[in-house]
Every structure is written in C-alpha cells, then in structure tokens.
Amino acid sequence: MVDVARARKLAVRIREVVSMSLEMQVKDPRLGMVTITDAKVTPDLREATLYYTVYGDAAERESSAAALESAKGVLRSQVGRQMGTRYTPSLTFIADVVPETAGKIEELLAQARQADAQVHAIAESAQPAGDPDPYRAPRVADLEDDAEPGA
C-alpha cells in the first residue's frame, strides 16, 4: 500500500504539471479559461482525477470539456515525463461544481437576510397582546391581605 502523504504530494505535482501544460502546450481553440482546482490520486497511483473550473457560460464549459478530453493523451505523457514514477496515472477530468454551489448558497443567504429584515421590521412595530408590562410589581393591598392570616 502506498503512503497517503506520497499520494497527496503526487496529486499536487500532477495538478501543477497539468496546469503548466494546459497553459504552454495545449493550443486547442476550444479551451477557455480553465483552472485546475484540485487533484486526487488513488492509493495505487494508477488513476488521477483532476477537478477544473471554466470561466464563462455553459457553451464555453462544454467546449473546454471537449478540449480537455482530446488533450488527455498529451497531458498524460507530460505527467509521465515529469513525474518520474513507474506508472503514469490515467487522467480523468471532472468539472468542479464548487463555484456554482457557492453561488446558490449566496442566493439562499440573501433570501434569509431579506426574511430576517422583514421579521425585524414587523417586530419593531409590534404591540404586546396583553398588558404592556406583564411583570408588574404586586399591589400593596395584596401584600397586606397576605400578612393578616399569618399574624
């Protein structure tokens, strides 16, 4: 079994190699502004999963995904040259959904802030249902009545 720390180090190195290769060697016009956000390597070091984001709309994401799939062989050979390991891991590209999820969370937080502001506005103008001061001090007459039976 391979050391987990070594697998993490190789994942970081693979991410760096693939990022540099995308920038310097892959000249596919379909490839948009791609950022490799994370890499994970299986414990046997045979497969590497690379997570990426693309700046742009859905059409640019699709074209960048196709460009990454077509450049997979070139990128794998570059990883093999620069890694110095016995086996070159196969590469799998997965679109990272963290930015979209973060956007959805931001929208939900904005809705929650708006609902809180509405509740706060209603609470400021609210009047108590009963007496304005439910914790009134006991009347003096009540205290005198209670004192007589015990005297």
C-alpha atoms as a PDB file:
ATOM      1  CA  MET A   1       0.000   0.000   0.000  1.00  0.00           C
ATOM      2  CA  VAL A   2       1.238   3.465  -0.848  1.00  0.00           C
ATOM      3  CA  ASP A   3       1.745   6.166   1.721  1.00  0.00           C
ATOM      4  CA  VAL A   4      -1.175   8.615   1.732  1.00  0.00           C
ATOM      5  CA  ALA A   5       1.180  11.567   2.087  1.00  0.00           C
ATOM      6  CA  ARG A   6       3.037  10.474  -1.055  1.00  0.00           C
ATOM      7  CA  ALA A   7      -0.243  10.202  -2.961  1.00  0.00           C
ATOM      8  CA  ARG A   8      -1.131  13.746  -1.864  1.00  0.00           C
ATOM      9  CA  LYS A   9       2.266  15.071  -2.965  1.00  0.00           C
ATOM     10  CA  LEU A  10       1.907  13.375  -6.336  1.00  0.00           C
ATOM     11  CA  ALA A  11      -1.584  14.822  -6.707  1.00  0.00           C
ATOM     12  CA  VAL A  12      -0.240  18.315  -6.107  1.00  0.00           C
ATOM     13  CA  ARG A  13       2.584  17.739  -8.598  1.00  0.00           C
ATOM     14  CA  ILE A  14       0.173  16.350 -11.200  1.00  0.00           C
ATOM     15  CA  ARG A  15      -2.037  19.422 -10.765  1.00  0.00           C
ATOM     16  CA  GLU A  16       0.964  21.698 -11.339  1.00  0.00           C
ATOM     17  CA  VAL A  17       2.189  19.761 -14.387  1.00  0.00           C
ATOM     18  CA  VAL A  18      -1.251  19.673 -15.996  1.00  0.00           C
ATOM     19  CA  SER A  19      -1.804  23.385 -15.311  1.00  0.00           C
ATOM     20  CA  MET A  20       1.505  24.330 -16.898  1.00  0.00           C
ATOM     21  CA  SER A  21       0.932  22.008 -19.850  1.00  0.00           C
ATOM     22  CA  LEU A  22      -2.506  23.485 -20.474  1.00  0.00           C
ATOM     23  CA  GLU A  23      -1.008  26.952 -20.449  1.00  0.00           C
ATOM     24  CA  MET A  24       2.099  26.273 -22.527  1.00  0.00           C
ATOM     25  CA  GLN A  25       1.465  23.297 -24.812  1.00  0.00           C
ATOM     26  CA  VAL A  26      -2.226  22.766 -25.483  1.00  0.00           C
ATOM     27  CA  LYS A  27      -3.236  25.135 -28.260  1.00  0.00           C
ATOM     28  CA  ASP A  28      -6.814  23.985 -28.743  1.00  0.00           C
ATOM     29  CA  PRO A  29      -9.052  26.979 -29.579  1.00  0.00           C
ATOM     30  CA  ARG A  30     -11.954  25.332 -27.750  1.00  0.00           C
ATOM     31  CA  LEU A  31     -10.058  25.528 -24.469  1.00  0.00           C
ATOM     32  CA  GLY A  32     -11.314  28.501 -22.475  1.00  0.00           C
ATOM     33  CA  MET A  33     -10.013  29.955 -19.246  1.00  0.00           C
ATOM     34  CA  VAL A  34      -9.559  26.663 -17.397  1.00  0.00           C
ATOM     35  CA  THR A  35      -8.304  26.468 -13.824  1.00  0.00           C
ATOM     36  CA  ILE A  36      -7.314  23.149 -12.284  1.00  0.00           C
ATOM     37  CA  THR A  37      -8.675  23.444  -8.752  1.00  0.00           C
ATOM     38  CA  ASP A  38      -7.823  20.071  -7.241  1.00  0.00           C
ATOM     39  CA  ALA A  39      -6.299  16.689  -7.995  1.00  0.00           C
ATOM     40  CA  LYS A  40      -6.778  13.349  -6.306  1.00  0.00           C
ATOM     41  CA  VAL A  41      -4.748  10.207  -6.871  1.00  0.00           C
ATOM     42  CA  THR A  42      -5.857   6.694  -5.990  1.00  0.00           C
ATOM     43  CA  PRO A  43      -3.720   4.909  -3.372  1.00  0.00           C
ATOM     44  CA  ASP A  44      -2.186   2.624  -6.031  1.00  0.00           C
ATOM     45  CA  LEU A  45      -1.147   5.734  -8.041  1.00  0.00           C
ATOM     46  CA  ARG A  46      -2.781   4.388 -11.204  1.00  0.00           C
ATOM     47  CA  GLU A  47      -5.575   6.950 -11.641  1.00  0.00           C
ATOM     48  CA  ALA A  48      -5.678  10.689 -11.126  1.00  0.00           C
ATOM     49  CA  THR A  49      -8.851  12.750 -11.006  1.00  0.00           C
ATOM     50  CA  LEU A  50      -8.476  16.432 -11.839  1.00  0.00           C
ATOM     51  CA  TYR A  51     -11.171  18.950 -10.936  1.00  0.00           C
ATOM     52  CA  TYR A  52     -11.414  22.086 -13.051  1.00  0.00           C
ATOM     53  CA  THR A  53     -13.457  25.236 -13.423  1.00  0.00           C
ATOM     54  CA  VAL A  54     -14.066  27.261 -16.551  1.00  0.00           C
ATOM     55  CA  TYR A  55     -14.669  30.987 -16.582  1.00  0.00           C
ATOM     56  CA  GLY A  56     -17.617  31.626 -18.864  1.00  0.00           C
ATOM     57  CA  ASP A  57     -21.041  30.382 -19.816  1.00  0.00           C
ATOM     58  CA  ALA A  58     -22.311  26.851 -20.383  1.00  0.00           C
ATOM     59  CA  ALA A  59     -21.176  26.739 -24.027  1.00  0.00           C
ATOM     60  CA  GLU A  60     -17.601  27.579 -23.021  1.00  0.00           C
ATOM     61  CA  ARG A  61     -17.728  24.910 -20.307  1.00  0.00           C
ATOM     62  CA  GLU A  62     -18.823  22.284 -22.820  1.00  0.00           C
ATOM     63  CA  SER A  63     -16.196  23.240 -25.380  1.00  0.00           C
ATOM     64  CA  SER A  64     -13.477  23.290 -22.707  1.00  0.00           C
ATOM     65  CA  ALA A  65     -14.568  19.836 -21.504  1.00  0.00           C
ATOM     66  CA  ALA A  66     -14.255  18.520 -25.063  1.00  0.00           C
ATOM     67  CA  ALA A  67     -10.822  20.142 -25.428  1.00  0.00           C
ATOM     68  CA  LEU A  68      -9.625  18.584 -22.171  1.00  0.00           C
ATOM     69  CA  GLU A  69     -10.822  15.152 -23.271  1.00  0.00           C
ATOM     70  CA  SER A  70      -8.999  15.474 -26.595  1.00  0.00           C
ATOM     71  CA  ALA A  71      -5.795  16.691 -24.907  1.00  0.00           C
ATOM     72  CA  LYS A  72      -5.830  13.922 -22.301  1.00  0.00           C
ATOM     73  CA  GLY A  73      -3.110  11.887 -24.057  1.00  0.00           C
ATOM     74  CA  VAL A  74      -0.732  14.825 -24.401  1.00  0.00           C
ATOM     75  CA  LEU A  75      -1.269  15.787 -20.788  1.00  0.00           C
ATOM     76  CA  ARG A  76      -0.714  12.221 -19.589  1.00  0.00           C
ATOM     77  CA  SER A  77       2.549  11.961 -21.493  1.00  0.00           C
ATOM     78  CA  GLN A  78       3.714  15.244 -19.948  1.00  0.00           C
ATOM     79  CA  VAL A  79       2.804  13.961 -16.484  1.00  0.00           C
ATOM     80  CA  GLY A  80       4.747  10.761 -17.193  1.00  0.00           C
ATOM     81  CA  ARG A  81       7.841  12.679 -18.310  1.00  0.00           C
ATOM     82  CA  GLN A  82       7.901  14.990 -15.322  1.00  0.00           C
ATOM     83  CA  MET A  83       6.771  12.690 -12.524  1.00  0.00           C
ATOM     84  CA  GLY A  84       9.469  10.023 -12.535  1.00  0.00           C
ATOM     85  CA  THR A  85       7.170   7.272 -11.261  1.00  0.00           C
ATOM     86  CA  ARG A  86       6.969   3.694 -12.511  1.00  0.00           C
ATOM     87  CA  TYR A  87       3.421   4.088 -13.788  1.00  0.00           C
ATOM     88  CA  THR A  88       1.859   7.155 -15.311  1.00  0.00           C
ATOM     89  CA  PRO A  89      -1.635   7.594 -13.900  1.00  0.00           C
ATOM     90  CA  SER A  90      -4.577   7.841 -16.247  1.00  0.00           C
ATOM     91  CA  LEU A  91      -6.233  11.248 -16.097  1.00  0.00           C
ATOM     92  CA  THR A  92      -9.915  11.928 -15.561  1.00  0.00           C
ATOM     93  CA  PHE A  93     -11.306  15.456 -15.743  1.00  0.00           C
ATOM     94  CA  ILE A  94     -14.354  16.415 -13.692  1.00  0.00           C
ATOM     95  CA  ALA A  95     -15.978  19.837 -13.746  1.00  0.00           C
ATOM     96  CA  ASP A  96     -15.794  21.382 -10.284  1.00  0.00           C
ATOM     97  CA  VAL A  97     -19.229  22.443  -9.047  1.00  0.00           C
ATOM     98  CA  VAL A  98     -17.990  24.392  -6.023  1.00  0.00           C
ATOM     99  CA  PRO A  99     -18.408  27.855  -7.652  1.00  0.00           C
ATOM    100  CA  GLU A 100     -21.996  27.089  -8.696  1.00  0.00           C
ATOM    101  CA  THR A 101     -22.775  25.711  -5.253  1.00  0.00           C
ATOM    102  CA  ALA A 102     -21.249  28.777  -3.631  1.00  0.00           C
ATOM    103  CA  GLY A 103     -23.444  30.989  -5.826  1.00  0.00           C
ATOM    104  CA  LYS A 104     -26.551  29.085  -4.776  1.00  0.00           C
ATOM    105  CA  ILE A 105     -25.557  29.380  -1.120  1.00  0.00           C
ATOM    106  CA  GLU A 106     -25.061  33.138  -1.547  1.00  0.00           C
ATOM    107  CA  GLU A 107     -28.553  33.426  -3.051  1.00  0.00           C
ATOM    108  CA  LEU A 108     -30.056  31.474  -0.154  1.00  0.00           C
ATOM    109  CA  LEU A 109     -28.214  33.650   2.365  1.00  0.00           C
ATOM    110  CA  ALA A 110     -29.528  36.784   0.638  1.00  0.00           C
ATOM    111  CA  GLN A 111     -33.075  35.406   0.873  1.00  0.00           C
ATOM    112  CA  ALA A 112     -32.558  34.620   4.567  1.00  0.00           C
ATOM    113  CA  ARG A 113     -31.246  38.163   5.216  1.00  0.00           C
ATOM    114  CA  GLN A 114     -34.281  39.615   3.456  1.00  0.00           C
ATOM    115  CA  ALA A 115     -36.658  37.439   5.503  1.00  0.00           C
ATOM    116  CA  ASP A 116     -34.843  38.441   8.706  1.00  0.00           C
ATOM    117  CA  ALA A 117     -35.179  42.114   7.779  1.00  0.00           C
ATOM    118  CA  GLN A 118     -38.932  41.652   7.251  1.00  0.00           C
ATOM    119  CA  VAL A 119     -39.302  39.902  10.607  1.00  0.00           C
ATOM    120  CA  HIS A 120     -37.271  42.653  12.280  1.00  0.00           C
ATOM    121  CA  ALA A 121     -39.475  45.350  10.724  1.00  0.00           C
ATOM    122  CA  ILE A 122     -42.614  43.586  11.920  1.00  0.00           C
ATOM    123  CA  ALA A 123     -41.154  43.125  15.401  1.00  0.00           C
ATOM    124  CA  GLU A 124     -40.334  46.843  15.744  1.00  0.00           C
ATOM    125  CA  SER A 125     -43.949  47.869  15.206  1.00  0.00           C
ATOM    126  CA  ALA A 126     -45.448  45.032  17.263  1.00  0.00           C
ATOM    127  CA  GLN A 127     -47.536  45.655  20.396  1.00  0.00           C
ATOM    128  CA  PRO A 128     -47.867  43.143  23.253  1.00  0.00           C
ATOM    129  CA  ALA A 129     -51.072  41.095  23.255  1.00  0.00           C
ATOM    130  CA  GLY A 130     -51.739  41.598  26.974  1.00  0.00           C
ATOM    131  CA  ASP A 131     -50.561  44.228  29.405  1.00  0.00           C
ATOM    132  CA  PRO A 132     -47.598  46.255  28.265  1.00  0.00           C
ATOM    133  CA  ASP A 133     -45.696  45.177  31.403  1.00  0.00           C
ATOM    134  CA  PRO A 134     -46.620  41.592  32.300  1.00  0.00           C
ATOM    135  CA  TYR A 135     -44.187  41.608  35.228  1.00  0.00           C
ATOM    136  CA  ARG A 136     -45.918  44.283  37.277  1.00  0.00           C
ATOM    137  CA  ALA A 137     -44.959  44.749  40.840  1.00  0.00           C
ATOM    138  CA  PRO A 138     -47.554  43.274  43.238  1.00  0.00           C
ATOM    139  CA  ARG A 139     -50.025  45.754  44.635  1.00  0.00           C
ATOM    140  CA  VAL A 140     -49.571  46.918  48.194  1.00  0.00           C
ATOM    141  CA  ALA A 141     -53.087  45.771  49.107  1.00  0.00           C
ATOM    142  CA  ASP A 142     -52.234  42.220  48.058  1.00  0.00           C
ATOM    143  CA  LEU A 143     -49.257  42.221  50.396  1.00  0.00           C
ATOM    144  CA  GLU A 144     -51.372  43.425  53.343  1.00  0.00           C
ATOM    145  CA  ASP A 145     -54.015  40.722  52.724  1.00  0.00           C
ATOM    146  CA  ASP A 146     -51.374  38.008  52.724  1.00  0.00           C
ATOM    147  CA  ALA A 147     -49.893  39.278  56.010  1.00  0.00           C
ATOM    148  CA  GLU A 148     -53.166  39.017  58.054  1.00  0.00           C
ATOM    149  CA  PRO A 149     -53.729  35.206  58.015  1.00  0.00           C
ATOM    150  CA  GLY A 150     -50.220  34.501  59.239  1.00  0.00           C
ATOM    151  CA  ALA A 151     -50.365  37.072  62.087  1.00  0.00           C
END
